[in-house]
Amino acid sequence: MSPDRRKVLKEDEMQAVLDEIVDVLKTCYDPEIPVNIYDLGLIYEIDIDEEATAHIQMTLTSPACPVAELLPAEVKARVERLEQINQAKVEVVWDPPWSHDLMSEEAKLELGMI
């Protein structure tokens, strides 16, 4: 996309785009766990700037996760497919470490933890 055709988001559009990003993240799964990465608590932060760049901080269940290279790339690719997003930047962080406490109630129920 040429620079003059890049999307610019208005303040009132941000929440709708954020909701779409969350919906997209709920389609991404760790192949070893039958729960999407959002409900699993792997997404720590999502910010969208006025240049329509999504900044996503995420973690993995462990540093030795077999999909450590694939999952962040999948998140980036799926978010960048959204019409309102120019670019996605995904940062994998380890602090705070992931724990079961970060999971949604639905995820815990699905995994038999409640």
C-alpha atoms as a PDB file:
ATOM      1  CA  MET A   1       0.000   0.000   0.000  1.00  0.00           C
ATOM      2  CA  SER A   2       1.393   3.366  -0.921  1.00  0.00           C
ATOM      3  CA  PRO A   3       2.006   5.800   1.958  1.00  0.00           C
ATOM      4  CA  ASP A   4      -0.701   8.175   0.688  1.00  0.00           C
ATOM      5  CA  ARG A   5      -3.307   5.376   0.843  1.00  0.00           C
ATOM      6  CA  ARG A   6      -2.522   4.229   4.392  1.00  0.00           C
ATOM      7  CA  LYS A   7      -5.412   4.221   6.811  1.00  0.00           C
ATOM      8  CA  VAL A   8      -5.609   6.728   9.641  1.00  0.00           C
ATOM      9  CA  LEU A   9      -7.904   5.924  12.547  1.00  0.00           C
ATOM     10  CA  LYS A  10     -10.028   8.458  14.348  1.00  0.00           C
ATOM     11  CA  GLU A  11     -10.440   8.264  18.104  1.00  0.00           C
ATOM     12  CA  ASP A  12     -14.052   7.103  17.822  1.00  0.00           C
ATOM     13  CA  GLU A  13     -13.016   4.200  15.543  1.00  0.00           C
ATOM     14  CA  MET A  14     -10.420   2.770  17.930  1.00  0.00           C
ATOM     15  CA  GLN A  15     -12.777   0.709  20.124  1.00  0.00           C
ATOM     16  CA  ALA A  16     -14.477  -0.931  17.143  1.00  0.00           C
ATOM     17  CA  VAL A  17     -11.098  -1.887  15.661  1.00  0.00           C
ATOM     18  CA  LEU A  18      -9.902  -3.126  19.049  1.00  0.00           C
ATOM     19  CA  ASP A  19     -13.003  -5.336  19.276  1.00  0.00           C
ATOM     20  CA  GLU A  20     -12.248  -6.729  15.813  1.00  0.00           C
ATOM     21  CA  ILE A  21      -8.671  -7.509  16.843  1.00  0.00           C
ATOM     22  CA  VAL A  22      -9.930  -9.381  19.907  1.00  0.00           C
ATOM     23  CA  ASP A  23     -12.326 -11.343  17.690  1.00  0.00           C
ATOM     24  CA  VAL A  24      -9.427 -12.274  15.396  1.00  0.00           C
ATOM     25  CA  LEU A  25      -7.241 -13.301  18.339  1.00  0.00           C
ATOM     26  CA  LYS A  26     -10.030 -15.587  19.514  1.00  0.00           C
ATOM     27  CA  THR A  27      -9.504 -17.570  16.292  1.00  0.00           C
ATOM     28  CA  CYS A  28      -5.850 -18.325  17.159  1.00  0.00           C
ATOM     29  CA  TYR A  29      -5.128 -21.463  19.152  1.00  0.00           C
ATOM     30  CA  ASP A  30      -2.133 -23.027  20.797  1.00  0.00           C
ATOM     31  CA  PRO A  31      -2.210 -26.422  19.035  1.00  0.00           C
ATOM     32  CA  GLU A  32      -1.682 -28.267  22.324  1.00  0.00           C
ATOM     33  CA  ILE A  33      -4.494 -26.513  24.229  1.00  0.00           C
ATOM     34  CA  PRO A  34      -8.097 -26.402  22.940  1.00  0.00           C
ATOM     35  CA  VAL A  35      -8.623 -22.784  24.042  1.00  0.00           C
ATOM     36  CA  ASN A  36      -7.985 -19.634  22.021  1.00  0.00           C
ATOM     37  CA  ILE A  37      -4.971 -17.530  22.963  1.00  0.00           C
ATOM     38  CA  TYR A  38      -7.060 -14.574  24.119  1.00  0.00           C
ATOM     39  CA  ASP A  39      -9.094 -16.571  26.644  1.00  0.00           C
ATOM     40  CA  LEU A  40      -5.965 -18.475  27.580  1.00  0.00           C
ATOM     41  CA  GLY A  41      -4.553 -15.158  28.809  1.00  0.00           C
ATOM     42  CA  LEU A  42      -1.612 -15.012  26.422  1.00  0.00           C
ATOM     43  CA  ILE A  43      -2.491 -11.509  25.196  1.00  0.00           C
ATOM     44  CA  TYR A  44      -1.278  -8.927  27.690  1.00  0.00           C
ATOM     45  CA  GLU A  45      -1.894  -5.678  25.842  1.00  0.00           C
ATOM     46  CA  ILE A  46      -3.364  -4.353  22.607  1.00  0.00           C
ATOM     47  CA  ASP A  47      -2.852  -0.742  21.574  1.00  0.00           C
ATOM     48  CA  ILE A  48      -3.751   0.882  18.298  1.00  0.00           C
ATOM     49  CA  ASP A  49      -2.194   4.154  17.247  1.00  0.00           C
ATOM     50  CA  GLU A  50      -3.644   6.781  14.931  1.00  0.00           C
ATOM     51  CA  GLU A  51      -1.492   5.386  12.118  1.00  0.00           C
ATOM     52  CA  ALA A  52      -3.564   2.174  12.341  1.00  0.00           C
ATOM     53  CA  THR A  53      -0.672   0.153  13.721  1.00  0.00           C
ATOM     54  CA  ALA A  54      -1.672  -2.497  16.238  1.00  0.00           C
ATOM     55  CA  HIS A  55       0.863  -3.005  19.029  1.00  0.00           C
ATOM     56  CA  ILE A  56       0.325  -6.357  20.725  1.00  0.00           C
ATOM     57  CA  GLN A  57       2.164  -7.683  23.760  1.00  0.00           C
ATOM     58  CA  MET A  58       1.762 -11.381  24.277  1.00  0.00           C
ATOM     59  CA  THR A  59       3.390 -14.246  26.056  1.00  0.00           C
ATOM     60  CA  LEU A  60       3.484 -18.006  25.673  1.00  0.00           C
ATOM     61  CA  THR A  61       2.718 -20.695  28.210  1.00  0.00           C
ATOM     62  CA  SER A  62       6.460 -21.340  28.540  1.00  0.00           C
ATOM     63  CA  PRO A  63       9.706 -20.231  26.890  1.00  0.00           C
ATOM     64  CA  ALA A  64      10.072 -23.777  25.549  1.00  0.00           C
ATOM     65  CA  CYS A  65       6.657 -23.635  23.864  1.00  0.00           C
ATOM     66  CA  PRO A  66       6.857 -25.598  20.578  1.00  0.00           C
ATOM     67  CA  VAL A  67       5.028 -22.822  18.702  1.00  0.00           C
ATOM     68  CA  ALA A  68       7.200 -20.004  20.081  1.00  0.00           C
ATOM     69  CA  GLU A  69       8.141 -18.820  16.603  1.00  0.00           C
ATOM     70  CA  LEU A  70       4.896 -19.663  14.823  1.00  0.00           C
ATOM     71  CA  LEU A  71       2.220 -18.245  17.119  1.00  0.00           C
ATOM     72  CA  PRO A  72       3.430 -14.600  17.208  1.00  0.00           C
ATOM     73  CA  ALA A  73       3.813 -14.672  13.411  1.00  0.00           C
ATOM     74  CA  GLU A  74       0.267 -16.039  13.099  1.00  0.00           C
ATOM     75  CA  VAL A  75      -1.058 -13.266  15.357  1.00  0.00           C
ATOM     76  CA  LYS A  76       0.732 -10.637  13.252  1.00  0.00           C
ATOM     77  CA  ALA A  77      -0.557 -12.057   9.965  1.00  0.00           C
ATOM     78  CA  ARG A  78      -4.160 -12.394  11.123  1.00  0.00           C
ATOM     79  CA  VAL A  79      -4.332  -8.904  12.597  1.00  0.00           C
ATOM     80  CA  GLU A  80      -2.752  -7.392   9.477  1.00  0.00           C
ATOM     81  CA  ARG A  81      -5.538  -8.958   7.383  1.00  0.00           C
ATOM     82  CA  LEU A  82      -8.017  -6.592   9.038  1.00  0.00           C
ATOM     83  CA  GLU A  83      -8.987  -3.852   6.626  1.00  0.00           C
ATOM     84  CA  GLN A  84      -8.576  -1.112   9.255  1.00  0.00           C
ATOM     85  CA  ILE A  85      -5.013  -2.090  10.215  1.00  0.00           C
ATOM     86  CA  ASN A  86      -1.905  -0.984   8.305  1.00  0.00           C
ATOM     87  CA  GLN A  87       0.573  -2.976  10.356  1.00  0.00           C
ATOM     88  CA  ALA A  88       0.786  -5.184  13.441  1.00  0.00           C
ATOM     89  CA  LYS A  89       3.773  -5.290  15.749  1.00  0.00           C
ATOM     90  CA  VAL A  90       3.843  -8.290  18.079  1.00  0.00           C
ATOM     91  CA  GLU A  91       6.166  -8.382  21.047  1.00  0.00           C
ATOM     92  CA  VAL A  92       6.615 -11.567  23.084  1.00  0.00           C
ATOM     93  CA  VAL A  93       7.235 -10.770  26.739  1.00  0.00           C
ATOM     94  CA  TRP A  94       7.953 -13.015  29.702  1.00  0.00           C
ATOM     95  CA  ASP A  95       7.146 -10.643  32.534  1.00  0.00           C
ATOM     96  CA  PRO A  96       4.808 -11.259  34.138  1.00  0.00           C
ATOM     97  CA  PRO A  97       5.101 -14.983  33.560  1.00  0.00           C
ATOM     98  CA  TRP A  98       1.961 -16.665  32.279  1.00  0.00           C
ATOM     99  CA  SER A  99      -0.093 -18.565  34.828  1.00  0.00           C
ATOM    100  CA  HIS A 100      -3.499 -20.230  34.993  1.00  0.00           C
ATOM    101  CA  ASP A 101      -4.758 -17.154  36.837  1.00  0.00           C
ATOM    102  CA  LEU A 102      -4.650 -15.207  33.549  1.00  0.00           C
ATOM    103  CA  MET A 103      -7.176 -17.505  31.896  1.00  0.00           C
ATOM    104  CA  SER A 104     -10.797 -16.459  31.448  1.00  0.00           C
ATOM    105  CA  GLU A 105     -13.453 -18.262  33.461  1.00  0.00           C
ATOM    106  CA  GLU A 106     -14.699 -19.830  30.208  1.00  0.00           C
ATOM    107  CA  ALA A 107     -11.242 -21.211  29.446  1.00  0.00           C
ATOM    108  CA  LYS A 108     -10.873 -22.651  32.938  1.00  0.00           C
ATOM    109  CA  LEU A 109     -14.298 -24.261  32.647  1.00  0.00           C
ATOM    110  CA  GLU A 110     -13.483 -25.718  29.227  1.00  0.00           C
ATOM    111  CA  LEU A 111     -10.259 -27.227  30.571  1.00  0.00           C
ATOM    112  CA  GLY A 112     -11.970 -28.604  33.680  1.00  0.00           C
ATOM    113  CA  MET A 113     -10.156 -26.276  36.072  1.00  0.00           C
ATOM    114  CA  ILE A 114     -13.313 -25.066  37.820  1.00  0.00           C
END
